[in-house]
Amino acid sequence: MLQQTHLRLIRAASLSLVLCALSLMIHAGEPEWPQFRGPQGNGHADAKQLPTKWSETDHVTWKTNLPGRGWSSPVISGRYIWMTTAIEKEASEEEKQQKTQGRSDARSLELASHVTLRALCVDRKSGELLHNIALFELSNPEPIHALNSYASPTPVIVDQRVFCHFGPNGTACLHLETGELIWKTQAFAYDPQNGPGASPVVWRDKLIFHCDGRDVQYAVALDQATGNVVWKSTRSGKLPDNENFRKAYCTPTIIDGDQPQVISPASDWVYSLDPATGKELWRVNYGMLGFSTVPKPIVGNGNVYVLTSYMKSRLLAIRYDGQGDVSESHVAWKEDRNMPSKPSLLLVDKNIYAITDKGIATCLSADTGKRLWTERLGGAFSASPLFAAGHIYVSDQSGQTTVLNPADTLEVVAKNSLDGQIMASPAVADNALFLRTDKALYRIE
C-alpha cells in the first residue's frame, strides 16, 4: 500500500513537471507576428476569429498614442509589441532649399534638421508604452519622400532579440523584454534617395537585408549575435545608366527547402541567393524598367511572384528551380495591367489578390495569370493586405480598412474607419488585430 502511494506521488510529480514544461513552452513559444507580413512573411494569420466591423469606439480594446512618426509595422512576441519611430525637428526653409536644390522631385520631398530614431515597445495586454529607446541621432539627415518616414522598415524578432533597422541610418539589436542594447551598427551607408524602406528578414543565425541605393547595390547578412558581416552579395545584373533608376526598397523573401533561397528583388533584376553564403543561384531580368521596387515577393505553386514597381509595375510568376540567368526559361507568365507599386500581393488558395496604390483591386489565377476580376475600391494604398479568419483586410492611407471575401468575384463585407493615416501593414496575435496609424496603435477584437 505504501509502495503504491509512493508510485502515485511519483507519477503526479512527473505529470506536474510535464505540465509545467508545456506551460513554459507555450509561454516561450515562437513569436506570433515576428516580422513584416507575419510568421511566413506572406500576410497570412492563423486567427480563427477577427472582427469585420469596428470604429474608434467599437471593438477597440485599447488605443495607445505613439510619439514621433514611423511607418514600420508592429511585430509581436508574448506580451511585447515592438515598432520603430522617428522624432523629427523641422528643417528651416533655407535648409530645405539647400538639400533639395537641383532635384526634379523637390516638391515631393520632406526634410528634418535633426532626427532621433527610436524603438517603441507596447504591452500587448494593456497597451501601456513600456519602452521608448533612442538608438541613433541624425544631425544632418537626407530628405525623404513625403509618403515615406525615417522609420519605415519593420523590426524582426528572433527568440529574445529584436532587430530594429533604419536602412543606411543604422541597425540595432535589443533584448526583447528589457530593451537592453545588445549591439548596433551604422556600417552600411548607401543613398536610397527617398529614405529607408526595405525591412530585414532572418534565416537561422543570420539577419539579412538589402542595400540598394543610387550609388551601391548589394544584399548583406549579419551574424545575429554580434552584428558582424557574414556575407555580402553585390548585384551582378546590368543596371540602367541613370543612377536614379538603380535604387530599390524591397524586403527579401526566404524559401526553405533542400536548397534554401533568399528571393531578392532589386532594380531591373530579381536574384536568388544562398542564405548561407550569399552565392547567387539564379537571376531574372524584368524585361522592362523596374526600379524603386517595394512589394515583398510571395511564394506558392512552385512559383515566386515578383512585382517590379516603377515605371509601370509588372507581375512576374517565376519558377524558382533554375540556375544562372533564367530570364528566358523560367518566367511562367507576366501581367502588366493594374499591378501595385507599393502594396505586396496576397495568395489565397489558387488566387492572387492585388490592390494598387490608387485603389484598384484585382484577382488573378496563380497558375495561369488569368484575370478573374478587377474592381475599383477607391482610396490610396501603401499597406499590404492581410488574410485572416477567412477574410481579406486592406487598409488605405485615409485610415479606412475594407474587408473582403476571397472569391472569384468582388465581395465587400465591410468598411471601417479609424482616425489617422494607415501606412503600416497590420499584425495579428491570437484573435486580435493590431493596426498602426500615423498617431496611434490599436488593438481590435
Protein backbone atom coordinates (compact mmCIF):
# COMPACT_ATOMS: atom_id res chain seq x y z
CA MET A 1 0.00 0.00 0.00
CA LEU A 2 2.79 2.38 0.93
CA GLN A 3 4.64 1.45 -2.26
CA GLN A 4 1.53 2.17 -4.39
CA THR A 5 1.10 5.56 -2.70
CA HIS A 6 4.74 6.32 -3.39
CA LEU A 7 4.31 5.42 -7.08
CA ARG A 8 1.20 7.64 -7.32
CA LEU A 9 3.14 10.54 -5.85
CA ILE A 10 5.99 10.00 -8.33
CA ARG A 11 3.52 9.89 -11.24
CA ALA A 12 1.74 13.01 -10.00
CA ALA A 13 5.04 14.83 -9.64
CA SER A 14 6.11 13.71 -13.12
CA LEU A 15 2.79 14.90 -14.59
CA SER A 16 3.19 18.21 -12.79
CA LEU A 17 6.68 18.63 -14.27
CA VAL A 18 5.39 17.80 -17.77
CA LEU A 19 2.55 20.31 -17.45
CA CYS A 20 4.95 22.92 -16.13
CA ALA A 21 7.30 22.29 -19.06
CA LEU A 22 4.41 22.55 -21.52
CA SER A 23 3.35 25.83 -19.90
CA LEU A 24 6.86 27.19 -20.25
CA MET A 25 7.00 26.05 -23.88
CA ILE A 26 3.73 27.82 -24.63
CA HIS A 27 4.80 30.96 -22.79
CA ALA A 28 8.18 31.00 -24.51
CA GLY A 29 6.89 29.78 -27.89
CA GLU A 30 7.54 31.20 -31.31
CA PRO A 31 6.69 34.88 -31.79
CA GLU A 32 3.13 35.25 -33.06
CA TRP A 33 3.95 38.02 -35.55
CA PRO A 34 7.76 38.17 -35.74
CA GLN A 35 8.35 40.13 -38.96
CA PHE A 36 6.85 42.17 -41.79
CA ARG A 37 3.75 40.33 -43.06
CA GLY A 38 3.72 37.73 -40.29
CA PRO A 39 5.19 34.30 -39.46
CA GLN A 40 5.60 33.20 -43.08
CA GLY A 41 6.14 36.69 -44.49
CA ASN A 42 3.10 36.31 -46.75
CA GLY A 43 0.34 38.24 -44.95
CA HIS A 44 -1.41 35.14 -43.57
CA ALA A 45 -2.52 34.85 -39.93
CA ASP A 46 -3.72 31.77 -38.03
CA ALA A 47 -6.51 33.64 -36.22
CA LYS A 48 -9.85 31.82 -36.24
CA GLN A 49 -11.95 34.83 -35.35
CA LEU A 50 -11.38 38.52 -36.08
CA PRO A 51 -13.91 41.36 -36.19
CA THR A 52 -15.09 42.56 -39.57
CA LYS A 53 -16.59 45.77 -38.18
CA TRP A 54 -15.06 48.39 -35.88
CA SER A 55 -14.70 52.12 -35.31
CA GLU A 56 -12.95 54.47 -32.89
CA THR A 57 -15.43 53.39 -30.22
CA ASP A 58 -16.44 49.87 -31.26
CA HIS A 59 -14.34 46.71 -30.73
CA VAL A 60 -11.27 48.73 -29.67
CA THR A 61 -9.73 47.06 -26.59
CA TRP A 62 -7.16 49.82 -26.27
CA LYS A 63 -5.63 52.67 -28.24
CA THR A 64 -2.13 53.88 -27.46
CA ASN A 65 -0.83 57.17 -28.80
CA LEU A 66 2.68 56.85 -30.23
CA PRO A 67 5.39 59.52 -30.27
CA GLY A 68 7.04 60.64 -33.48
CA ARG A 69 6.39 59.30 -36.95
CA GLY A 70 7.11 55.86 -38.40
CA TRP A 71 5.54 53.51 -40.91
CA SER A 72 7.07 50.30 -39.54
CA SER A 73 4.53 47.57 -38.84
CA PRO A 74 4.06 46.06 -35.36
CA VAL A 75 5.88 42.80 -34.52
CA ILE A 76 4.68 40.69 -31.60
CA SER A 77 6.08 38.08 -29.22
CA GLY A 78 4.39 37.21 -25.92
CA ARG A 79 3.35 40.40 -24.15
CA TYR A 80 5.64 42.60 -26.25
CA ILE A 81 4.76 44.63 -29.36
CA TRP A 82 7.72 46.38 -30.99
CA MET A 83 7.83 49.16 -33.60
CA THR A 84 10.15 51.99 -34.57
CA THR A 85 9.61 55.73 -34.83
CA ALA A 86 11.43 58.95 -35.68
CA ILE A 87 11.33 62.14 -33.62
CA GLU A 88 11.90 64.96 -36.08
CA LYS A 89 12.92 68.58 -35.71
CA GLU A 90 11.54 70.51 -38.65
CA ALA A 91 14.05 71.98 -41.06
CA SER A 92 14.05 75.65 -41.95
CA GLU A 93 13.08 76.79 -45.43
CA GLU A 94 16.73 77.62 -46.10
CA GLU A 95 17.83 74.10 -45.11
CA LYS A 96 15.13 72.58 -47.34
CA GLN A 97 16.22 74.64 -50.32
CA GLN A 98 19.87 73.72 -49.84
CA LYS A 99 19.16 70.00 -49.56
CA THR A 100 16.69 69.76 -52.45
CA GLN A 101 18.30 72.21 -54.86
CA GLY A 102 18.54 70.82 -58.36
CA ARG A 103 16.29 67.81 -57.67
CA SER A 104 13.37 67.34 -60.07
CA ASP A 105 11.33 65.71 -57.29
CA ALA A 106 11.87 68.55 -54.77
CA ARG A 107 8.14 69.16 -54.31
CA SER A 108 7.54 65.58 -53.15
CA LEU A 109 10.30 65.64 -50.51
CA GLU A 110 10.30 66.30 -46.77
CA LEU A 111 13.28 67.23 -44.62
CA ALA A 112 14.09 67.42 -40.93
CA SER A 113 17.09 69.24 -39.48
CA HIS A 114 17.57 66.57 -36.79
CA VAL A 115 16.10 63.11 -36.27
CA THR A 116 16.20 60.70 -33.32
CA LEU A 117 15.50 57.12 -34.38
CA ARG A 118 13.81 55.18 -31.59
CA ALA A 119 12.40 51.75 -30.72
CA LEU A 120 8.97 51.53 -29.08
CA CYS A 121 7.57 48.63 -27.07
CA VAL A 122 3.90 48.38 -26.08
CA ASP A 123 2.34 45.91 -23.65
CA ARG A 124 0.07 43.63 -25.65
CA LYS A 125 -2.50 43.20 -22.88
CA SER A 126 -2.80 46.74 -21.51
CA GLY A 127 -1.49 48.95 -24.32
CA GLU A 128 0.99 50.60 -21.93
CA LEU A 129 4.11 52.03 -23.57
CA LEU A 130 6.88 50.00 -21.88
CA HIS A 131 9.98 51.21 -23.73
CA ASN A 132 10.91 54.28 -25.78
CA ILE A 133 14.58 53.82 -26.62
CA ALA A 134 16.82 56.23 -28.54
CA LEU A 135 19.05 54.30 -30.93
CA PHE A 136 20.52 56.74 -33.47
CA GLU A 137 20.85 60.51 -33.82
CA LEU A 138 20.86 62.05 -37.31
CA SER A 139 22.16 65.61 -37.19
CA ASN A 140 22.07 66.26 -40.92
CA PRO A 141 19.62 63.78 -42.44
CA GLU A 142 18.92 63.42 -46.14
CA PRO A 143 15.43 64.31 -47.45
CA ILE A 144 12.77 61.60 -47.69
CA HIS A 145 9.74 61.21 -49.92
CA ALA A 146 6.58 62.74 -48.48
CA LEU A 147 4.96 59.26 -48.43
CA ASN A 148 7.91 57.76 -46.55
CA SER A 149 9.25 58.12 -43.00
CA TYR A 150 12.69 57.88 -41.40
CA ALA A 151 11.39 54.76 -39.59
CA SER A 152 9.64 52.71 -42.29
CA PRO A 153 11.43 49.30 -42.15
CA THR A 154 9.69 46.82 -39.86
CA PRO A 155 11.66 45.18 -37.00
CA VAL A 156 12.09 41.40 -36.74
CA ILE A 157 12.01 39.23 -33.60
CA VAL A 158 14.06 36.06 -33.03
CA ASP A 159 13.99 34.38 -29.63
CA GLN A 160 14.87 37.13 -27.12
CA ARG A 161 16.24 39.56 -29.71
CA VAL A 162 14.56 42.42 -31.58
CA PHE A 163 16.34 43.79 -34.65
CA CYS A 164 15.47 47.41 -35.49
CA HIS A 165 16.58 48.54 -38.92
CA PHE A 166 16.63 52.05 -40.40
CA GLY A 167 18.25 51.40 -43.79
CA PRO A 168 21.54 53.31 -44.22
CA ASN A 169 20.96 55.13 -40.92
CA GLY A 170 21.65 52.10 -38.74
CA THR A 171 20.69 48.68 -37.42
CA ALA A 172 20.36 47.72 -33.74
CA CYS A 173 19.74 44.57 -31.72
CA LEU A 174 17.77 44.85 -28.45
CA HIS A 175 16.69 42.41 -25.77
CA LEU A 176 13.02 41.51 -26.32
CA GLU A 177 11.86 42.10 -22.75
CA THR A 178 14.23 44.65 -21.22
CA GLY A 179 15.07 46.70 -24.30
CA GLU A 180 18.76 46.46 -23.38
CA LEU A 181 21.05 47.26 -26.34
CA ILE A 182 22.99 44.18 -27.47
CA TRP A 183 24.74 45.74 -30.48
CA LYS A 184 24.28 48.40 -33.11
CA THR A 185 25.99 49.42 -36.34
CA GLN A 186 25.98 52.17 -38.96
CA ALA A 187 28.38 50.37 -41.28
CA PHE A 188 26.09 50.16 -44.33
CA ALA A 189 25.91 53.58 -45.93
CA TYR A 190 24.14 53.95 -49.27
CA ASP A 191 21.98 56.58 -50.99
CA PRO A 192 18.32 55.49 -51.18
CA GLN A 193 17.33 58.97 -52.42
CA ASN A 194 13.87 58.84 -50.81
CA GLY A 195 14.58 57.42 -47.36
CA PRO A 196 14.68 53.84 -46.00
CA GLY A 197 12.13 51.21 -46.99
CA ALA A 198 13.37 47.60 -47.03
CA SER A 199 12.79 45.51 -43.87
CA PRO A 200 15.20 42.79 -42.71
CA VAL A 201 14.47 39.05 -42.58
CA VAL A 202 16.14 36.22 -40.68
CA TRP A 203 17.43 32.80 -41.65
CA ARG A 204 18.86 30.58 -38.95
CA ASP A 205 21.55 32.68 -37.21
CA LYS A 206 21.64 35.42 -39.86
CA LEU A 207 19.96 38.81 -40.30
CA ILE A 208 19.56 39.63 -44.00
CA PHE A 209 18.67 42.93 -45.67
CA HIS A 210 19.08 44.90 -48.89
CA CYS A 211 21.21 47.97 -49.53
CA ASP A 212 20.05 49.14 -52.97
CA GLY A 213 20.90 52.80 -53.44
CA ARG A 214 21.71 55.05 -56.34
CA ASP A 215 25.40 54.57 -55.58
CA VAL A 216 25.83 50.94 -54.43
CA GLN A 217 23.60 47.88 -54.67
CA TYR A 218 24.01 44.70 -52.63
CA ALA A 219 22.42 42.30 -50.14
CA VAL A 220 24.13 41.56 -46.83
CA ALA A 221 23.86 39.03 -44.00
CA LEU A 222 24.92 39.77 -40.42
CA ASP A 223 25.57 37.44 -37.52
CA GLN A 224 22.55 37.90 -35.25
CA ALA A 225 24.61 37.63 -32.08
CA THR A 226 27.30 40.18 -32.96
CA GLY A 227 26.21 42.26 -35.96
CA ASN A 228 29.34 41.20 -37.84
CA VAL A 229 29.14 40.69 -41.62
CA VAL A 230 28.80 37.04 -42.67
CA TRP A 231 28.45 37.66 -46.42
CA LYS A 232 27.82 40.43 -48.91
CA SER A 233 26.38 39.86 -52.39
CA THR A 234 26.81 42.61 -54.99
CA ARG A 235 24.16 42.84 -57.73
CA SER A 236 25.52 41.18 -60.87
CA GLY A 237 22.94 42.22 -63.47
CA LYS A 238 23.50 45.19 -65.78
CA LEU A 239 21.86 48.30 -64.29
CA PRO A 240 20.46 51.41 -66.01
CA ASP A 241 22.88 54.23 -66.85
CA ASN A 242 20.69 56.68 -64.91
CA GLU A 243 21.64 56.27 -61.22
CA ASN A 244 18.12 57.29 -60.14
CA PHE A 245 16.86 54.03 -61.66
CA ARG A 246 19.24 51.82 -59.67
CA LYS A 247 17.58 52.06 -56.25
CA ALA A 248 15.09 49.65 -54.64
CA TYR A 249 13.25 49.32 -51.32
CA CYS A 250 12.26 45.66 -51.30
CA THR A 251 12.12 43.25 -48.35
CA PRO A 252 13.57 39.82 -49.26
CA THR A 253 11.64 36.55 -49.01
CA ILE A 254 13.06 33.27 -47.69
CA ILE A 255 12.29 29.92 -49.32
CA ASP A 256 13.34 26.97 -47.17
CA GLY A 257 13.92 23.55 -48.71
CA ASP A 258 16.70 21.27 -49.91
CA GLN A 259 18.32 24.40 -51.34
CA PRO A 260 17.21 27.40 -49.23
CA GLN A 261 16.90 30.67 -51.15
CA VAL A 262 16.72 34.38 -50.47
CA ILE A 263 14.46 35.91 -53.13
CA SER A 264 15.99 39.34 -53.53
CA PRO A 265 14.33 41.88 -55.90
CA ALA A 266 16.42 44.87 -56.93
CA SER A 267 16.45 47.34 -59.80
CA ASP A 268 15.83 45.62 -63.18
CA TRP A 269 16.55 42.14 -61.79
CA VAL A 270 15.34 39.70 -59.16
CA TYR A 271 18.03 37.45 -57.66
CA SER A 272 18.02 34.17 -55.77
CA LEU A 273 20.83 33.91 -53.21
CA ASP A 274 22.05 31.11 -50.98
CA PRO A 275 21.26 32.41 -47.45
CA ALA A 276 24.25 30.53 -46.01
CA THR A 277 26.87 32.08 -48.30
CA GLY A 278 25.27 34.86 -50.37
CA LYS A 279 26.18 33.00 -53.58
CA GLU A 280 23.91 33.89 -56.49
CA LEU A 281 21.81 30.88 -57.56
CA TRP A 282 19.75 32.42 -60.36
CA ARG A 283 18.51 35.77 -61.64
CA VAL A 284 15.72 37.04 -63.88
CA ASN A 285 15.55 40.31 -65.80
CA TYR A 286 12.20 42.08 -65.51
CA GLY A 287 12.00 42.58 -69.27
CA MET A 288 11.23 46.26 -68.74
CA LEU A 289 12.48 49.03 -66.49
CA GLY A 290 11.66 48.22 -62.88
CA PHE A 291 13.12 50.26 -60.02
CA SER A 292 12.21 51.64 -56.58
CA THR A 293 10.89 48.10 -56.10
CA VAL A 294 8.83 47.85 -52.92
CA PRO A 295 6.44 44.84 -52.67
CA LYS A 296 7.76 41.76 -50.87
CA PRO A 297 7.67 38.63 -53.08
CA ILE A 298 5.26 35.81 -52.26
CA VAL A 299 5.72 32.09 -52.94
CA GLY A 300 3.33 29.30 -53.93
CA ASN A 301 2.51 26.67 -56.56
CA GLY A 302 6.19 26.27 -57.41
CA ASN A 303 6.45 29.95 -58.33
CA VAL A 304 7.74 33.12 -56.75
CA TYR A 305 5.61 36.17 -57.59
CA VAL A 306 7.55 39.42 -58.01
CA LEU A 307 6.37 42.98 -58.69
CA THR A 308 8.65 45.48 -60.42
CA SER A 309 7.03 48.71 -59.09
CA TYR A 310 8.16 51.61 -61.32
CA MET A 311 8.00 52.85 -64.11
CA LYS A 312 4.99 50.62 -64.73
CA SER A 313 4.57 47.74 -62.33
CA ARG A 314 4.76 44.25 -63.83
CA LEU A 315 3.94 40.97 -62.06
CA LEU A 316 6.18 38.02 -62.94
CA ALA A 317 5.48 34.42 -61.94
CA ILE A 318 8.90 32.73 -61.85
CA ARG A 319 9.72 29.07 -61.30
CA TYR A 320 12.45 29.09 -58.69
CA ASP A 321 14.34 25.89 -59.55
CA GLY A 322 16.77 27.42 -62.07
CA GLN A 323 20.48 28.21 -62.22
CA GLY A 324 22.18 31.24 -63.74
CA ASP A 325 20.28 33.73 -65.91
CA VAL A 326 16.84 32.12 -66.37
CA SER A 327 15.08 35.16 -67.79
CA GLU A 328 14.09 33.28 -70.97
CA SER A 329 13.32 29.87 -69.45
CA HIS A 330 11.68 30.24 -66.02
CA VAL A 331 9.11 33.05 -66.30
CA ALA A 332 5.78 31.20 -66.29
CA TRP A 333 3.64 34.28 -67.01
CA LYS A 334 3.53 38.08 -66.75
CA GLU A 335 0.81 40.62 -66.04
CA ASP A 336 1.18 44.35 -66.67
CA ARG A 337 -2.30 45.76 -66.03
CA ASN A 338 -3.28 47.34 -62.70
CA MET A 339 -0.41 45.97 -60.62
CA PRO A 340 0.74 47.58 -57.32
CA SER A 341 3.88 49.63 -56.87
CA LYS A 342 3.86 49.62 -53.03
CA PRO A 343 1.39 47.09 -51.50
CA SER A 344 2.53 43.46 -51.60
CA LEU A 345 0.43 40.66 -53.10
CA LEU A 346 -1.75 38.13 -51.28
CA LEU A 347 -2.04 34.47 -52.32
CA VAL A 348 -5.14 32.66 -51.04
CA ASP A 349 -5.67 29.11 -52.30
CA LYS A 350 -5.21 29.33 -56.08
CA ASN A 351 -5.86 33.06 -56.46
CA ILE A 352 -3.64 36.13 -56.20
CA TYR A 353 -5.19 39.34 -54.86
CA ALA A 354 -3.61 42.71 -55.65
CA ILE A 355 -4.50 46.26 -54.63
CA THR A 356 -2.86 49.10 -56.50
CA ASP A 357 -1.63 52.32 -54.94
CA LYS A 358 -4.73 54.02 -56.39
CA GLY A 359 -7.24 51.52 -55.04
CA ILE A 360 -7.86 49.16 -57.96
CA ALA A 361 -8.32 45.59 -56.74
CA THR A 362 -7.59 42.60 -58.98
CA CYS A 363 -7.92 38.82 -58.61
CA LEU A 364 -5.78 36.55 -60.81
CA SER A 365 -5.33 32.81 -61.16
CA ALA A 366 -1.98 32.00 -59.57
CA ASP A 367 -1.42 29.14 -62.02
CA THR A 368 -2.02 30.96 -65.28
CA GLY A 369 -2.29 34.69 -64.55
CA LYS A 370 -5.84 34.68 -65.92
CA ARG A 371 -7.71 37.75 -64.70
CA LEU A 372 -10.83 36.79 -62.72
CA TRP A 373 -11.95 40.31 -61.80
CA THR A 374 -10.81 43.92 -61.48
CA GLU A 375 -12.79 46.48 -59.48
CA ARG A 376 -12.11 49.94 -58.11
CA LEU A 377 -12.24 50.20 -54.31
CA GLY A 378 -11.09 53.83 -54.27
CA GLY A 379 -8.56 55.42 -51.93
CA ALA A 380 -4.77 55.43 -51.91
CA PHE A 381 -2.89 52.39 -50.59
CA SER A 382 0.57 51.74 -49.17
CA ALA A 383 -0.07 48.98 -46.59
CA SER A 384 -0.03 45.33 -47.69
CA PRO A 385 -3.17 43.16 -47.41
CA LEU A 386 -3.86 40.57 -44.71
CA PHE A 387 -5.66 37.20 -44.89
CA ALA A 388 -7.08 36.05 -41.56
CA ALA A 389 -10.16 34.23 -40.27
CA GLY A 390 -11.42 33.70 -43.80
CA HIS A 391 -11.31 37.37 -44.83
CA ILE A 392 -9.00 39.77 -46.66
CA TYR A 393 -8.22 43.08 -44.93
CA VAL A 394 -6.89 46.04 -46.96
CA SER A 395 -6.15 49.39 -45.27
CA ASP A 396 -5.82 52.67 -47.14
CA GLN A 397 -3.95 55.86 -46.33
CA SER A 398 -7.08 57.63 -45.04
CA GLY A 399 -7.47 55.12 -42.18
CA GLN A 400 -10.19 53.01 -43.81
CA THR A 401 -9.95 49.22 -43.84
CA THR A 402 -12.05 47.30 -46.35
CA VAL A 403 -12.89 43.68 -45.53
CA LEU A 404 -13.35 41.32 -48.49
CA ASN A 405 -14.29 37.70 -49.04
CA PRO A 406 -11.73 35.79 -51.09
CA ALA A 407 -13.78 34.80 -54.13
CA ASP A 408 -13.89 34.73 -57.91
CA THR A 409 -15.99 37.91 -57.80
CA LEU A 410 -15.55 41.01 -55.64
CA GLU A 411 -17.40 40.60 -52.32
CA VAL A 412 -17.11 43.54 -49.91
CA VAL A 413 -18.02 42.56 -46.33
CA ALA A 414 -17.49 45.86 -44.52
CA LYS A 415 -15.64 49.16 -44.46
CA ASN A 416 -14.22 50.52 -41.20
CA SER A 417 -12.54 53.84 -40.41
CA LEU A 418 -10.08 54.97 -37.75
CA ASP A 419 -8.79 58.46 -37.05
CA GLY A 420 -5.46 58.97 -38.77
CA GLN A 421 -3.44 57.67 -41.67
CA ILE A 422 -2.58 53.98 -42.21
CA MET A 423 0.75 53.34 -43.91
CA ALA A 424 1.86 50.35 -41.80
CA SER A 425 0.68 46.83 -42.58
CA PRO A 426 -1.50 45.05 -39.97
CA ALA A 427 -0.42 42.46 -37.41
CA VAL A 428 -2.40 39.66 -35.75
CA ALA A 429 -1.94 37.73 -32.50
CA ASP A 430 -4.49 35.29 -31.08
CA ASN A 431 -7.82 36.74 -32.20
CA ALA A 432 -6.77 40.38 -32.05
CA LEU A 433 -5.97 42.72 -34.92
CA PHE A 434 -3.29 45.39 -34.39
CA LEU A 435 -3.46 48.45 -36.61
CA ARG A 436 -0.96 51.29 -36.56
CA THR A 437 -1.95 54.74 -37.77
CA ASP A 438 0.31 57.77 -38.01
CA LYS A 439 -0.64 58.66 -34.42
CA ALA A 440 -1.59 55.51 -32.52
CA LEU A 441 -1.59 51.72 -32.20
CA TYR A 442 -4.98 49.96 -31.86
CA ARG A 443 -5.90 46.54 -30.50
CA ILE A 444 -9.15 45.47 -32.17
CA GLU A 445 -11.08 42.30 -31.30
